[in-house]
C-alpha atoms as a PDB file:
ATOM      1  CA  MET A   1     -25.319 -15.825 -20.348  1.00  0.00           C
ATOM      2  CA  PRO A   2     -27.089 -14.582 -17.226  1.00  0.00           C
ATOM      3  CA  ARG A   3     -30.254 -12.695 -17.910  1.00  0.00           C
ATOM      4  CA  ASN A   4     -29.078  -9.506 -16.114  1.00  0.00           C
ATOM      5  CA  ALA A   5     -25.630  -9.338 -17.717  1.00  0.00           C
ATOM      6  CA  ARG A   6     -24.748  -6.245 -19.712  1.00  0.00           C
ATOM      7  CA  GLN A   7     -24.310  -7.494 -23.240  1.00  0.00           C
ATOM      8  CA  HIS A   8     -22.951  -4.266 -24.674  1.00  0.00           C
ATOM      9  CA  ALA A   9     -20.543  -3.197 -21.941  1.00  0.00           C
ATOM     10  CA  ALA A  10     -17.802  -2.690 -24.532  1.00  0.00           C
ATOM     11  CA  ASP A  11     -19.948  -0.022 -26.181  1.00  0.00           C
ATOM     12  CA  VAL A  12     -19.743   2.232 -23.115  1.00  0.00           C
ATOM     13  CA  PRO A  13     -16.786   4.616 -23.382  1.00  0.00           C
ATOM     14  CA  LEU A  14     -14.286   4.610 -20.546  1.00  0.00           C
ATOM     15  CA  PRO A  15     -13.939   7.876 -18.635  1.00  0.00           C
ATOM     16  CA  ASN A  16     -10.858   9.897 -19.473  1.00  0.00           C
ATOM     17  CA  ALA A  17      -8.222   9.471 -16.802  1.00  0.00           C
ATOM     18  CA  MET A  18      -6.044  12.523 -16.417  1.00  0.00           C
ATOM     19  CA  PRO A  19      -3.095  12.496 -14.039  1.00  0.00           C
ATOM     20  CA  ALA A  20      -2.491  15.413 -11.711  1.00  0.00           C
ATOM     21  CA  PRO A  21      -0.098  17.960 -13.260  1.00  0.00           C
ATOM     22  CA  HIS A  22       2.714  17.054 -10.842  1.00  0.00           C
ATOM     23  CA  TRP A  23       2.577  13.386 -12.003  1.00  0.00           C
ATOM     24  CA  LYS A  24       4.022  14.600 -15.312  1.00  0.00           C
ATOM     25  CA  GLN A  25       7.141  15.777 -13.458  1.00  0.00           C
ATOM     26  CA  LEU A  26       7.857  12.323 -11.958  1.00  0.00           C
ATOM     27  CA  ARG A  27      10.982  10.552 -13.173  1.00  0.00           C
ATOM     28  CA  GLN A  28      12.393   7.084 -12.613  1.00  0.00           C
ATOM     29  CA  GLY A  29      14.375   7.026  -9.347  1.00  0.00           C
ATOM     30  CA  ASP A  30      12.451   9.893  -7.717  1.00  0.00           C
ATOM     31  CA  ARG A  31      11.698   9.512  -3.991  1.00  0.00           C
ATOM     32  CA  VAL A  32       7.954   9.989  -3.468  1.00  0.00           C
ATOM     33  CA  ARG A  33       5.158   9.796  -0.913  1.00  0.00           C
ATOM     34  CA  VAL A  34       2.110   7.792  -1.952  1.00  0.00           C
ATOM     35  CA  LEU A  35      -0.992   9.316  -0.365  1.00  0.00           C
ATOM     36  CA  LEU A  36      -3.482   6.469  -0.230  1.00  0.00           C
ATOM     37  CA  SER A  37      -6.214   8.157   1.804  1.00  0.00           C
ATOM     38  CA  PRO A  38      -6.306  10.764   4.564  1.00  0.00           C
ATOM     39  CA  GLY A  39      -3.910   9.591   7.240  1.00  0.00           C
ATOM     40  CA  PHE A  40      -2.463   6.714   5.210  1.00  0.00           C
ATOM     41  CA  GLU A  41       0.687   7.217   3.199  1.00  0.00           C
ATOM     42  CA  ALA A  42       3.809   5.330   2.204  1.00  0.00           C
ATOM     43  CA  GLY A  43       7.230   6.304   0.935  1.00  0.00           C
ATOM     44  CA  GLY A  44       8.885   4.783  -2.090  1.00  0.00           C
ATOM     45  CA  ILE A  45      10.950   5.124  -5.226  1.00  0.00           C
ATOM     46  CA  VAL A  46       9.469   5.556  -8.723  1.00  0.00           C
ATOM     47  CA  ASP A  47      10.384   2.540 -10.837  1.00  0.00           C
ATOM     48  CA  THR A  48       8.528   2.989 -14.126  1.00  0.00           C
ATOM     49  CA  ILE A  49       6.089   5.500 -15.612  1.00  0.00           C
ATOM     50  CA  THR A  50       3.822   5.069 -18.620  1.00  0.00           C
ATOM     51  CA  ALA A  51       4.339   7.445 -21.539  1.00  0.00           C
ATOM     52  CA  ASP A  52       1.085   9.293 -20.775  1.00  0.00           C
ATOM     53  CA  HIS A  53       1.910   9.473 -17.022  1.00  0.00           C
ATOM     54  CA  THR A  54      -1.417   7.871 -16.036  1.00  0.00           C
ATOM     55  CA  ALA A  55       0.220   4.847 -14.364  1.00  0.00           C
ATOM     56  CA  VAL A  56       3.305   4.673 -12.153  1.00  0.00           C
ATOM     57  CA  TRP A  57       5.119   1.676 -10.649  1.00  0.00           C
ATOM     58  CA  VAL A  58       6.533   2.451  -7.192  1.00  0.00           C
ATOM     59  CA  HIS A  59       8.856   0.329  -5.009  1.00  0.00           C
ATOM     60  CA  LEU A  60       7.411   0.926  -1.543  1.00  0.00           C
ATOM     61  CA  ASP A  61       9.729   1.384   1.434  1.00  0.00           C
ATOM     62  CA  GLY A  62      10.067  -1.223   4.151  1.00  0.00           C
ATOM     63  CA  GLY A  63      10.027  -4.217   1.825  1.00  0.00           C
ATOM     64  CA  ARG A  64       6.357  -3.737   0.955  1.00  0.00           C
ATOM     65  CA  GLY A  65       7.015  -4.543  -2.690  1.00  0.00           C
ATOM     66  CA  ARG A  66       6.373  -2.894  -6.013  1.00  0.00           C
ATOM     67  CA  THR A  67       2.909  -1.559  -6.733  1.00  0.00           C
ATOM     68  CA  LEU A  68       1.155  -0.159  -9.791  1.00  0.00           C
ATOM     69  CA  LEU A  69      -0.757   3.060  -9.202  1.00  0.00           C
ATOM     70  CA  HIS A  70      -3.151   4.588 -11.730  1.00  0.00           C
ATOM     71  CA  CYS A  71      -4.385   8.175 -11.665  1.00  0.00           C
ATOM     72  CA  ALA A  72      -7.990   6.905 -11.490  1.00  0.00           C
ATOM     73  CA  ASP A  73      -7.239   4.856  -8.324  1.00  0.00           C
ATOM     74  CA  GLY A  74      -7.916   7.787  -6.003  1.00  0.00           C
ATOM     75  CA  VAL A  75      -4.307   7.983  -4.811  1.00  0.00           C
ATOM     76  CA  ASP A  76      -1.753  10.733  -5.179  1.00  0.00           C
ATOM     77  CA  ILE A  77       1.988  10.474  -5.736  1.00  0.00           C
ATOM     78  CA  VAL A  78       3.878  13.501  -4.464  1.00  0.00           C
ATOM     79  CA  PRO A  79       7.598  14.125  -4.985  1.00  0.00           C
ATOM     80  CA  CYS A  80       9.399  14.367  -1.643  1.00  0.00           C
ATOM     81  CA  GLN A  81      10.641  17.869  -2.428  1.00  0.00           C
ATOM     82  CA  GLU A  82       7.029  19.031  -2.041  1.00  0.00           C
ATOM     83  CA  THR A  83       6.342  17.120   1.196  1.00  0.00           C
ATOM     84  CA  GLY A  84       9.719  17.443   2.887  1.00  0.00           C
ATOM     85  CA  CYS A  85      10.114  13.698   3.458  1.00  0.00           C
ATOM     86  CA  LEU A  86      13.558  12.340   4.235  1.00  0.00           C
ATOM     87  CA  ASP A  87      15.513   9.642   2.411  1.00  0.00           C
END
């Protein structure tokens, strides 16, 4: 093992990841906007949501595939009703 490797990394607790309150309202089939960073966003359809709502699979528009988004990724998923996006 390298000399500088952390040998007890498993002993460090992971930070609690809490989704934004509106993530708990997401349902399969919802049209959403994925806000990646200021000025960068993508539309899509919610495919699957974990039971604790911390991770969401979204089929991105334009054939960009299916992506897994976690609440700790620094992205936001906003239902289109809130952003006024069109189908």
